[in-house]
C-alpha atoms as a PDB file:
ATOM      1  CA  UNK A   1      83.910 -49.675-141.164  1.00  0.00           C
ATOM      2  CA  UNK A   2      83.346 -49.542-137.473  1.00  0.00           C
ATOM      3  CA  UNK A   3      87.346 -50.188-137.043  1.00  0.00           C
ATOM      4  CA  UNK A   4      87.960 -46.965-139.011  1.00  0.00           C
ATOM      5  CA  UNK A   5      85.233 -44.875-136.903  1.00  0.00           C
ATOM      6  CA  UNK A   6      86.764 -46.082-133.706  1.00  0.00           C
ATOM      7  CA  UNK A   7      90.078 -44.791-134.993  1.00  0.00           C
ATOM      8  CA  UNK A   8      88.743 -41.676-135.873  1.00  0.00           C
ATOM      9  CA  UNK A   9      87.207 -41.271-132.732  1.00  0.00           C
ATOM     10  CA  UNK A  10      90.398 -42.195-131.166  1.00  0.00           C
ATOM     11  CA  UNK A  11      92.205 -39.492-132.998  1.00  0.00           C
ATOM     12  CA  UNK A  12      89.723 -36.969-132.058  1.00  0.00           C
ATOM     13  CA  UNK A  13      89.870 -38.058-128.235  1.00  0.00           C
ATOM     14  CA  UNK A  14      93.886 -37.365-128.485  1.00  0.00           C
ATOM     15  CA  UNK A  15      93.697 -33.807-130.005  1.00  0.00           C
ATOM     16  CA  UNK A  16      91.658 -32.688-127.302  1.00  0.00           C
ATOM     17  CA  UNK A  17      93.923 -34.095-124.782  1.00  0.00           C
ATOM     18  CA  UNK A  18      96.641 -32.407-126.282  1.00  0.00           C
ATOM     19  CA  UNK A  19      95.059 -29.234-126.333  1.00  0.00           C
ATOM     20  CA  UNK A  20      93.502 -28.996-123.070  1.00  0.00           C
ATOM     21  CA  UNK A  21      96.422 -30.633-120.914  1.00  0.00           C
ATOM     22  CA  UNK A  22      98.968 -28.387-119.518  1.00  0.00           C
ATOM     23  CA  UNK A  23     102.313 -28.877-118.622  1.00  0.00           C
ATOM     24  CA  UNK A  24     102.798 -29.809-114.855  1.00  0.00           C
ATOM     25  CA  UNK A  25     105.067 -26.631-114.367  1.00  0.00           C
ATOM     26  CA  UNK A  26     102.227 -24.492-115.957  1.00  0.00           C
ATOM     27  CA  UNK A  27      99.938 -25.768-113.822  1.00  0.00           C
ATOM     28  CA  UNK A  28     102.125 -24.977-110.772  1.00  0.00           C
ATOM     29  CA  UNK A  29     102.443 -21.308-111.768  1.00  0.00           C
ATOM     30  CA  UNK A  30      99.001 -20.784-112.151  1.00  0.00           C
ATOM     31  CA  UNK A  31      98.191 -22.117-108.813  1.00  0.00           C
ATOM     32  CA  UNK A  32     100.946 -21.133-106.570  1.00  0.00           C
ATOM     33  CA  UNK A  33     101.476 -21.512-102.743  1.00  0.00           C
ATOM     34  CA  UNK A  34     101.330 -18.329-100.881  1.00  0.00           C
ATOM     35  CA  UNK A  35     103.183 -18.010 -97.511  1.00  0.00           C
ATOM     36  CA  UNK A  36     103.235 -14.581 -95.575  1.00  0.00           C
ATOM     37  CA  UNK A  37     102.709 -13.042 -99.240  1.00  0.00           C
ATOM     38  CA  UNK A  38     105.748 -15.020-100.758  1.00  0.00           C
ATOM     39  CA  UNK A  39     105.018 -17.145-103.923  1.00  0.00           C
ATOM     40  CA  UNK A  40     106.394 -20.524-104.127  1.00  0.00           C
ATOM     41  CA  UNK A  41     105.633 -22.997-107.169  1.00  0.00           C
ATOM     42  CA  UNK A  42     106.153 -26.184-105.234  1.00  0.00           C
ATOM     43  CA  UNK A  43     103.759 -27.358-102.505  1.00  0.00           C
ATOM     44  CA  UNK A  44     106.439 -29.763-101.284  1.00  0.00           C
ATOM     45  CA  UNK A  45     108.980 -28.809 -98.517  1.00  0.00           C
ATOM     46  CA  UNK A  46     111.737 -31.065 -97.355  1.00  0.00           C
ATOM     47  CA  UNK A  47     114.139 -31.126 -94.357  1.00  0.00           C
ATOM     48  CA  UNK A  48     118.038 -31.496 -93.908  1.00  0.00           C
ATOM     49  CA  UNK A  49     118.090 -33.901 -91.195  1.00  0.00           C
ATOM     50  CA  UNK A  50     118.903 -37.900 -91.223  1.00  0.00           C
ATOM     51  CA  UNK A  51     120.593 -38.024 -94.763  1.00  0.00           C
ATOM     52  CA  UNK A  52     123.431 -40.355 -94.802  1.00  0.00           C
ATOM     53  CA  UNK A  53     125.539 -37.730 -96.400  1.00  0.00           C
ATOM     54  CA  UNK A  54     125.442 -34.270 -97.954  1.00  0.00           C
ATOM     55  CA  UNK A  55     125.486 -35.459-101.328  1.00  0.00           C
ATOM     56  CA  UNK A  56     122.341 -37.395-101.236  1.00  0.00           C
ATOM     57  CA  UNK A  57     120.474 -34.303 -99.433  1.00  0.00           C
ATOM     58  CA  UNK A  58     121.607 -32.296-102.194  1.00  0.00           C
ATOM     59  CA  UNK A  59     120.188 -35.124-105.021  1.00  0.00           C
ATOM     60  CA  UNK A  60     116.840 -35.415-102.949  1.00  0.00           C
ATOM     61  CA  UNK A  61     116.072 -31.579-102.817  1.00  0.00           C
ATOM     62  CA  UNK A  62     116.919 -30.978-106.399  1.00  0.00           C
ATOM     63  CA  UNK A  63     114.744 -34.322-107.262  1.00  0.00           C
ATOM     64  CA  UNK A  64     111.735 -33.222-104.639  1.00  0.00           C
ATOM     65  CA  UNK A  65     111.281 -29.949-106.840  1.00  0.00           C
ATOM     66  CA  UNK A  66     111.005 -27.862-103.210  1.00  0.00           C
ATOM     67  CA  UNK A  67     111.863 -24.318-103.079  1.00  0.00           C
ATOM     68  CA  UNK A  68     111.278 -24.435 -99.045  1.00  0.00           C
ATOM     69  CA  UNK A  69     113.992 -26.487 -96.859  1.00  0.00           C
ATOM     70  CA  UNK A  70     113.801 -26.613 -93.231  1.00  0.00           C
ATOM     71  CA  UNK A  71     117.298 -26.224 -91.029  1.00  0.00           C
ATOM     72  CA  UNK A  72     117.272 -27.258 -87.245  1.00  0.00           C
ATOM     73  CA  UNK A  73     119.339 -24.202 -85.887  1.00  0.00           C
ATOM     74  CA  UNK A  74     120.162 -25.571 -82.795  1.00  0.00           C
ATOM     75  CA  UNK A  75     121.924 -28.387 -84.581  1.00  0.00           C
ATOM     76  CA  UNK A  76     123.568 -26.161 -87.108  1.00  0.00           C
ATOM     77  CA  UNK A  77     124.873 -23.738 -84.310  1.00  0.00           C
ATOM     78  CA  UNK A  78     126.186 -26.529 -82.169  1.00  0.00           C
ATOM     79  CA  UNK A  79     127.754 -28.467 -85.094  1.00  0.00           C
ATOM     80  CA  UNK A  80     125.721 -31.376 -84.367  1.00  0.00           C
ATOM     81  CA  UNK A  81     126.841 -34.866 -86.013  1.00  0.00           C
ATOM     82  CA  UNK A  82     125.607 -34.257 -89.891  1.00  0.00           C
ATOM     83  CA  UNK A  83     124.990 -31.022 -89.269  1.00  0.00           C
ATOM     84  CA  UNK A  84     128.894 -29.652 -89.597  1.00  0.00           C
ATOM     85  CA  UNK A  85     128.718 -27.484 -92.367  1.00  0.00           C
ATOM     86  CA  UNK A  86     125.199 -27.909 -93.512  1.00  0.00           C
ATOM     87  CA  UNK A  87     124.445 -24.195 -93.669  1.00  0.00           C
ATOM     88  CA  UNK A  88     127.034 -23.938 -96.722  1.00  0.00           C
ATOM     89  CA  UNK A  89     126.142 -27.281 -98.485  1.00  0.00           C
ATOM     90  CA  UNK A  90     123.117 -25.683-100.042  1.00  0.00           C
ATOM     91  CA  UNK A  91     122.290 -23.137-102.878  1.00  0.00           C
ATOM     92  CA  UNK A  92     120.466 -20.374-100.862  1.00  0.00           C
ATOM     93  CA  UNK A  93     120.154 -18.129-103.712  1.00  0.00           C
ATOM     94  CA  UNK A  94     117.820 -21.065-104.826  1.00  0.00           C
ATOM     95  CA  UNK A  95     116.103 -22.182-101.819  1.00  0.00           C
ATOM     96  CA  UNK A  96     114.041 -20.492 -99.058  1.00  0.00           C
ATOM     97  CA  UNK A  97     115.377 -21.252 -95.777  1.00  0.00           C
ATOM     98  CA  UNK A  98     112.915 -22.145 -92.889  1.00  0.00           C
ATOM     99  CA  UNK A  99     114.796 -22.313 -89.552  1.00  0.00           C
ATOM    100  CA  UNK A 100     113.368 -24.220 -87.014  1.00  0.00           C
ATOM    101  CA  UNK A 101     113.441 -24.393 -83.280  1.00  0.00           C
ATOM    102  CA  UNK A 102     113.803 -28.161 -83.298  1.00  0.00           C
ATOM    103  CA  UNK A 103     114.952 -29.623 -79.942  1.00  0.00           C
ATOM    104  CA  UNK A 104     113.393 -26.780 -77.605  1.00  0.00           C
ATOM    105  CA  UNK A 105     111.111 -27.730 -74.808  1.00  0.00           C
ATOM    106  CA  UNK A 106     109.892 -24.310 -73.822  1.00  0.00           C
ATOM    107  CA  UNK A 107     108.750 -21.295 -75.383  1.00  0.00           C
ATOM    108  CA  UNK A 108     111.445 -19.402 -74.034  1.00  0.00           C
ATOM    109  CA  UNK A 109     113.994 -21.526 -75.614  1.00  0.00           C
ATOM    110  CA  UNK A 110     112.012 -21.424 -78.832  1.00  0.00           C
ATOM    111  CA  UNK A 111     111.788 -17.852 -79.121  1.00  0.00           C
ATOM    112  CA  UNK A 112     115.795 -17.348 -78.665  1.00  0.00           C
ATOM    113  CA  UNK A 113     116.557 -19.883 -81.384  1.00  0.00           C
ATOM    114  CA  UNK A 114     114.087 -18.374 -83.656  1.00  0.00           C
ATOM    115  CA  UNK A 115     116.209 -15.246 -83.627  1.00  0.00           C
ATOM    116  CA  UNK A 116     119.281 -16.844 -84.173  1.00  0.00           C
ATOM    117  CA  UNK A 117     117.293 -18.530 -86.876  1.00  0.00           C
ATOM    118  CA  UNK A 118     116.844 -15.267 -88.549  1.00  0.00           C
ATOM    119  CA  UNK A 119     120.195 -14.091 -87.980  1.00  0.00           C
ATOM    120  CA  UNK A 120     121.462 -16.986 -89.638  1.00  0.00           C
ATOM    121  CA  UNK A 121     119.288 -16.388 -92.344  1.00  0.00           C
ATOM    122  CA  UNK A 122     120.493 -13.233 -93.199  1.00  0.00           C
ATOM    123  CA  UNK A 123     124.243 -14.560 -93.049  1.00  0.00           C
ATOM    124  CA  UNK A 124     123.402 -16.655 -95.705  1.00  0.00           C
ATOM    125  CA  UNK A 125     121.889 -13.562 -98.268  1.00  0.00           C
ATOM    126  CA  UNK A 126     118.497 -14.025 -97.172  1.00  0.00           C
ATOM    127  CA  UNK A 127     118.061 -10.600 -95.591  1.00  0.00           C
ATOM    128  CA  UNK A 128     114.236 -10.252 -95.747  1.00  0.00           C
ATOM    129  CA  UNK A 129     113.839 -13.894 -94.374  1.00  0.00           C
ATOM    130  CA  UNK A 130     111.363 -13.876 -91.298  1.00  0.00           C
ATOM    131  CA  UNK A 131     110.239 -17.174 -91.556  1.00  0.00           C
ATOM    132  CA  UNK A 132     110.443 -19.652 -88.781  1.00  0.00           C
ATOM    133  CA  UNK A 133     109.235 -23.247 -88.165  1.00  0.00           C
ATOM    134  CA  UNK A 134     108.240 -23.160 -84.498  1.00  0.00           C
ATOM    135  CA  UNK A 135     108.431 -26.219 -82.647  1.00  0.00           C
ATOM    136  CA  UNK A 136     108.173 -26.696 -78.656  1.00  0.00           C
ATOM    137  CA  UNK A 137     108.619 -30.427 -77.843  1.00  0.00           C
ATOM    138  CA  UNK A 138     108.972 -31.309 -74.110  1.00  0.00           C
ATOM    139  CA  UNK A 139     108.297 -34.798 -74.859  1.00  0.00           C
ATOM    140  CA  UNK A 140     111.493 -36.652 -75.898  1.00  0.00           C
ATOM    141  CA  UNK A 141     109.316 -40.164 -76.329  1.00  0.00           C
ATOM    142  CA  UNK A 142     106.755 -39.558 -78.511  1.00  0.00           C
ATOM    143  CA  UNK A 143     107.899 -35.873 -79.605  1.00  0.00           C
ATOM    144  CA  UNK A 144     104.264 -34.458 -79.692  1.00  0.00           C
ATOM    145  CA  UNK A 145     104.063 -30.588 -79.596  1.00  0.00           C
ATOM    146  CA  UNK A 146     103.336 -28.501 -76.515  1.00  0.00           C
ATOM    147  CA  UNK A 147     100.353 -26.711 -77.445  1.00  0.00           C
ATOM    148  CA  UNK A 148     100.512 -24.434 -74.632  1.00  0.00           C
ATOM    149  CA  UNK A 149     104.111 -23.399 -75.235  1.00  0.00           C
ATOM    150  CA  UNK A 150     103.618 -23.367 -79.013  1.00  0.00           C
ATOM    151  CA  UNK A 151     100.789 -20.627 -78.824  1.00  0.00           C
ATOM    152  CA  UNK A 152     102.973 -18.196 -76.322  1.00  0.00           C
ATOM    153  CA  UNK A 153     105.911 -18.388 -78.246  1.00  0.00           C
ATOM    154  CA  UNK A 154     104.120 -17.597 -81.349  1.00  0.00           C
ATOM    155  CA  UNK A 155     102.312 -14.699 -79.839  1.00  0.00           C
ATOM    156  CA  UNK A 156     105.759 -13.509 -79.002  1.00  0.00           C
ATOM    157  CA  UNK A 157     107.394 -14.111 -82.485  1.00  0.00           C
ATOM    158  CA  UNK A 158     104.701 -12.422 -84.338  1.00  0.00           C
ATOM    159  CA  UNK A 159     105.149  -9.626 -82.444  1.00  0.00           C
ATOM    160  CA  UNK A 160     108.745  -9.422 -83.542  1.00  0.00           C
ATOM    161  CA  UNK A 161     107.852  -9.514 -86.861  1.00  0.00           C
ATOM    162  CA  UNK A 162     108.211 -13.333 -87.757  1.00  0.00           C
ATOM    163  CA  UNK A 163     106.635 -15.283 -90.206  1.00  0.00           C
ATOM    164  CA  UNK A 164     105.541 -18.093 -87.679  1.00  0.00           C
ATOM    165  CA  UNK A 165     105.080 -21.711 -89.073  1.00  0.00           C
ATOM    166  CA  UNK A 166     103.634 -23.723 -86.018  1.00  0.00           C
ATOM    167  CA  UNK A 167     104.173 -27.522 -85.843  1.00  0.00           C
ATOM    168  CA  UNK A 168     101.300 -28.635 -83.781  1.00  0.00           C
ATOM    169  CA  UNK A 169      99.042 -31.749 -83.288  1.00  0.00           C
ATOM    170  CA  UNK A 170      95.785 -31.959 -85.394  1.00  0.00           C
ATOM    171  CA  UNK A 171      93.666 -29.668 -83.140  1.00  0.00           C
ATOM    172  CA  UNK A 172      91.259 -27.583 -85.214  1.00  0.00           C
ATOM    173  CA  UNK A 173      90.617 -25.373 -81.855  1.00  0.00           C
ATOM    174  CA  UNK A 174      94.574 -24.743 -81.441  1.00  0.00           C
ATOM    175  CA  UNK A 175      95.061 -24.266 -85.204  1.00  0.00           C
ATOM    176  CA  UNK A 176      92.363 -21.708 -84.727  1.00  0.00           C
ATOM    177  CA  UNK A 177      93.745 -19.937 -81.982  1.00  0.00           C
ATOM    178  CA  UNK A 178      97.281 -19.711 -83.896  1.00  0.00           C
ATOM    179  CA  UNK A 179      95.587 -18.159 -87.203  1.00  0.00           C
ATOM    180  CA  UNK A 180      93.740 -15.565 -84.846  1.00  0.00           C
ATOM    181  CA  UNK A 181      97.149 -14.966 -83.563  1.00  0.00           C
ATOM    182  CA  UNK A 182      98.305 -14.063 -86.685  1.00  0.00           C
ATOM    183  CA  UNK A 183     100.348 -17.330 -87.775  1.00  0.00           C
ATOM    184  CA  UNK A 184     101.358 -17.775 -91.747  1.00  0.00           C
ATOM    185  CA  UNK A 185     100.768 -21.306 -91.545  1.00  0.00           C
ATOM    186  CA  UNK A 186      99.589 -23.882 -89.482  1.00  0.00           C
ATOM    187  CA  UNK A 187     101.354 -27.515 -89.687  1.00  0.00           C
ATOM    188  CA  UNK A 188      99.237 -30.512 -87.989  1.00  0.00           C
ATOM    189  CA  UNK A 189     101.057 -33.818 -88.136  1.00  0.00           C
ATOM    190  CA  UNK A 190      99.735 -36.834 -89.795  1.00  0.00           C
ATOM    191  CA  UNK A 191     101.560 -39.106 -87.040  1.00  0.00           C
ATOM    192  CA  UNK A 192     104.411 -38.833 -84.721  1.00  0.00           C
ATOM    193  CA  UNK A 193     107.741 -37.407 -86.071  1.00  0.00           C
ATOM    194  CA  UNK A 194     109.747 -40.141 -88.152  1.00  0.00           C
ATOM    195  CA  UNK A 195     107.267 -43.106 -87.349  1.00  0.00           C
ATOM    196  CA  UNK A 196     105.988 -43.428 -91.148  1.00  0.00           C
ATOM    197  CA  UNK A 197     102.694 -44.148 -89.780  1.00  0.00           C
ATOM    198  CA  UNK A 198     100.585 -42.222 -92.464  1.00  0.00           C
ATOM    199  CA  UNK A 199      97.562 -40.191 -91.678  1.00  0.00           C
ATOM    200  CA  UNK A 200      96.229 -41.279 -88.422  1.00  0.00           C
ATOM    201  CA  UNK A 201      94.272 -37.639 -87.755  1.00  0.00           C
ATOM    202  CA  UNK A 202      92.515 -37.653 -90.798  1.00  0.00           C
ATOM    203  CA  UNK A 203      89.390 -36.489 -89.597  1.00  0.00           C
ATOM    204  CA  UNK A 204      90.627 -33.514 -87.520  1.00  0.00           C
ATOM    205  CA  UNK A 205      93.235 -32.517 -90.457  1.00  0.00           C
ATOM    206  CA  UNK A 206      90.077 -32.244 -92.588  1.00  0.00           C
ATOM    207  CA  UNK A 207      88.277 -29.796 -90.112  1.00  0.00           C
ATOM    208  CA  UNK A 208      91.449 -27.738 -89.899  1.00  0.00           C
ATOM    209  CA  UNK A 209      91.280 -27.672 -93.773  1.00  0.00           C
ATOM    210  CA  UNK A 210      87.747 -26.596 -93.689  1.00  0.00           C
ATOM    211  CA  UNK A 211      88.171 -24.045 -91.067  1.00  0.00           C
ATOM    212  CA  UNK A 212      91.480 -22.408 -91.463  1.00  0.00           C
ATOM    213  CA  UNK A 213      91.971 -19.283 -93.983  1.00  0.00           C
ATOM    214  CA  UNK A 214      95.855 -19.736 -93.858  1.00  0.00           C
ATOM    215  CA  UNK A 215      97.876 -22.387 -95.396  1.00  0.00           C
ATOM    216  CA  UNK A 216      97.603 -26.215 -93.785  1.00  0.00           C
ATOM    217  CA  UNK A 217     100.710 -27.746 -94.310  1.00  0.00           C
ATOM    218  CA  UNK A 218     100.337 -31.614 -93.152  1.00  0.00           C
ATOM    219  CA  UNK A 219     103.897 -31.952 -91.687  1.00  0.00           C
ATOM    220  CA  UNK A 220     105.484 -35.604 -89.948  1.00  0.00           C
ATOM    221  CA  UNK A 221     104.478 -39.154 -90.296  1.00  0.00           C
ATOM    222  CA  UNK A 222     103.808 -39.677 -94.142  1.00  0.00           C
ATOM    223  CA  UNK A 223     105.799 -42.517 -94.898  1.00  0.00           C
ATOM    224  CA  UNK A 224     104.853 -43.595 -98.665  1.00  0.00           C
ATOM    225  CA  UNK A 225     103.929 -41.076-101.555  1.00  0.00           C
ATOM    226  CA  UNK A 226     100.362 -42.581-101.455  1.00  0.00           C
ATOM    227  CA  UNK A 227      99.819 -40.951 -98.083  1.00  0.00           C
ATOM    228  CA  UNK A 228     101.390 -37.851 -99.442  1.00  0.00           C
ATOM    229  CA  UNK A 229      98.604 -37.676-102.138  1.00  0.00           C
ATOM    230  CA  UNK A 230      96.046 -38.430 -99.390  1.00  0.00           C
ATOM    231  CA  UNK A 231      97.136 -35.821 -97.779  1.00  0.00           C
ATOM    232  CA  UNK A 232      96.795 -33.388-100.710  1.00  0.00           C
ATOM    233  CA  UNK A 233      93.558 -34.646-101.650  1.00  0.00           C
ATOM    234  CA  UNK A 234      92.139 -33.724 -98.366  1.00  0.00           C
ATOM    235  CA  UNK A 235      92.865 -30.013 -99.396  1.00  0.00           C
ATOM    236  CA  UNK A 236      96.286 -29.773 -97.572  1.00  0.00           C
ATOM    237  CA  UNK A 237      98.107 -26.536 -98.962  1.00  0.00           C
ATOM    238  CA  UNK A 238     101.497 -28.263 -98.679  1.00  0.00           C
ATOM    239  CA  UNK A 239     103.298 -31.092 -97.029  1.00  0.00           C
ATOM    240  CA  UNK A 240     106.675 -31.063 -95.253  1.00  0.00           C
ATOM    241  CA  UNK A 241     108.469 -34.415 -95.724  1.00  0.00           C
ATOM    242  CA  UNK A 242     111.693 -35.352 -94.225  1.00  0.00           C
ATOM    243  CA  UNK A 243     112.449 -38.830 -92.757  1.00  0.00           C
ATOM    244  CA  UNK A 244     110.264 -40.507 -95.403  1.00  0.00           C
ATOM    245  CA  UNK A 245     112.967 -39.131 -98.239  1.00  0.00           C
ATOM    246  CA  UNK A 246     116.176 -39.246 -96.145  1.00  0.00           C
ATOM    247  CA  UNK A 247     115.601 -42.578 -94.650  1.00  0.00           C
ATOM    248  CA  UNK A 248     114.593 -44.448 -98.115  1.00  0.00           C
ATOM    249  CA  UNK A 249     116.862 -46.760 -99.784  1.00  0.00           C
ATOM    250  CA  UNK A 250     117.305 -44.587-102.506  1.00  0.00           C
ATOM    251  CA  UNK A 251     116.436 -40.860-101.467  1.00  0.00           C
ATOM    252  CA  UNK A 252     116.584 -38.856-104.556  1.00  0.00           C
ATOM    253  CA  UNK A 253     114.089 -41.310-106.049  1.00  0.00           C
ATOM    254  CA  UNK A 254     111.459 -41.035-103.225  1.00  0.00           C
ATOM    255  CA  UNK A 255     111.992 -37.347-103.291  1.00  0.00           C
ATOM    256  CA  UNK A 256     111.031 -37.454-106.728  1.00  0.00           C
ATOM    257  CA  UNK A 257     107.917 -39.879-106.144  1.00  0.00           C
ATOM    258  CA  UNK A 258     106.978 -37.179-103.315  1.00  0.00           C
ATOM    259  CA  UNK A 259     106.953 -34.329-105.739  1.00  0.00           C
ATOM    260  CA  UNK A 260     104.829 -36.054-108.096  1.00  0.00           C
ATOM    261  CA  UNK A 261     102.361 -37.480-105.277  1.00  0.00           C
ATOM    262  CA  UNK A 262     101.915 -33.921-104.023  1.00  0.00           C
ATOM    263  CA  UNK A 263     101.077 -32.959-107.599  1.00  0.00           C
ATOM    264  CA  UNK A 264      98.900 -35.509-108.089  1.00  0.00           C
ATOM    265  CA  UNK A 265      96.976 -35.141-104.770  1.00  0.00           C
ATOM    266  CA  UNK A 266      96.456 -31.116-105.417  1.00  0.00           C
ATOM    267  CA  UNK A 267      95.033 -31.989-109.120  1.00  0.00           C
ATOM    268  CA  UNK A 268      92.753 -34.361-107.671  1.00  0.00           C
ATOM    269  CA  UNK A 269      91.581 -31.729-104.668  1.00  0.00           C
ATOM    270  CA  UNK A 270      90.952 -29.703-107.202  1.00  0.00           C
ATOM    271  CA  UNK A 271      89.323 -31.716-109.729  1.00  0.00           C
ATOM    272  CA  UNK A 272      87.120 -32.897-107.290  1.00  0.00           C
ATOM    273  CA  UNK A 273      86.326 -36.244-106.418  1.00  0.00           C
ATOM    274  CA  UNK A 274      82.880 -38.335-107.130  1.00  0.00           C
ATOM    275  CA  UNK A 275      80.469 -39.188-104.287  1.00  0.00           C
ATOM    276  CA  UNK A 276      81.161 -42.567-102.515  1.00  0.00           C
ATOM    277  CA  UNK A 277      77.930 -44.445-102.658  1.00  0.00           C
ATOM    278  CA  UNK A 278      77.004 -47.798-101.087  1.00  0.00           C
ATOM    279  CA  UNK A 279      75.843 -49.158-104.274  1.00  0.00           C
ATOM    280  CA  UNK A 280      77.134 -49.546-108.060  1.00  0.00           C
ATOM    281  CA  UNK A 281      76.626 -47.426-110.921  1.00  0.00           C
ATOM    282  CA  UNK A 282      77.459 -48.581-114.389  1.00  0.00           C
ATOM    283  CA  UNK A 283      79.917 -46.604-116.114  1.00  0.00           C
ATOM    284  CA  UNK A 284      78.791 -47.440-119.683  1.00  0.00           C
ATOM    285  CA  UNK A 285      75.633 -45.995-120.835  1.00  0.00           C
ATOM    286  CA  UNK A 286      72.420 -47.855-120.485  1.00  0.00           C
ATOM    287  CA  UNK A 287      70.885 -46.496-123.917  1.00  0.00           C
ATOM    288  CA  UNK A 288      71.983 -47.011-127.276  1.00  0.00           C
ATOM    289  CA  UNK A 289      73.063 -50.484-126.726  1.00  0.00           C
ATOM    290  CA  UNK A 290      73.407 -53.023-129.676  1.00  0.00           C
ATOM    291  CA  UNK A 291      70.119 -55.395-129.864  1.00  0.00           C
END
C-alpha cells in the first residue's frame, strides 16, 4: 500500500515538473539581454582570437550559442597571424560583430581604431552597428586596462555616437563614471586576460553589479564553466569568454559547457539562493515522523 502511494506521489511530482519547467530557449526569450537598445537572447559573448584554425572557431561559436563575437580591428587590418581572412570566415548576417580596440595603448589610438571598426562592420553589412569594445592597455606584461585613458576615449566615442562597451579593472567608482558618461555596458575583468585564474575580484564585481544600472559583462580570466556560473550567480548580465574556449583541448565542447554554465548561473540568480548559515538546518520535516 505504501509503495502504491509513493508511486502516485512520484507521478504527481513529475506532472508538476512537466507543466512548470519551460524549455531553455523559451526562458531566454522571456529574459533577453538588452545592450544599447538591441536585444540578444544569449548572455554569452565569445571572441575570435587564439583558435588553432578557423574551423574550430566556427564550430565553437556555433556550440556556444552566442550572438555577439568580438573582432580585434587592428589585427584584421594588418592581417596579423591567425587573422588573415577572419572577417570573411563568419556569417555576419547571424552574428553581431563587436569590434574591439585590442592592442591600443592610448586613448587616441583607441578612438582611431574604433572608427575603423565601425567602417569594417558596415563593409560586412552591419550598417547600423555602432558597437565598440573599448580597450586601452599600455601594460604589456599584465595587460591591465588604463582607467584614465579608457574614460577619455569613452567620452570621445560616446559623443561620436558609439555604443561603448569598456573593458576595465573591477573598479566600482570607474564603472559609475563610465555609466554617467553614457557607456552601454561596463566590462570588469575577473582576473588578467587569458590567465584562467577565475574570479579574483568578486567583492568589487558584486559592488559594480549592485550600483550600476547598465549591463555588467564579466570579461577576462574565466577558465572553467563553474567560474562562468559563479559570475552569473553574482548577478552579472553577461560574460565574454575567449581563451578558455579557444585554447581548450576540445574548443567546441568547452563552448557548449560555457553556454550551459551561463544559463545555469542566470537561472540560479533569478531563483534566489538560500542564506548562508553557520549551523545545520534539517531538510526533512521534524513533525509527522513515524514513531
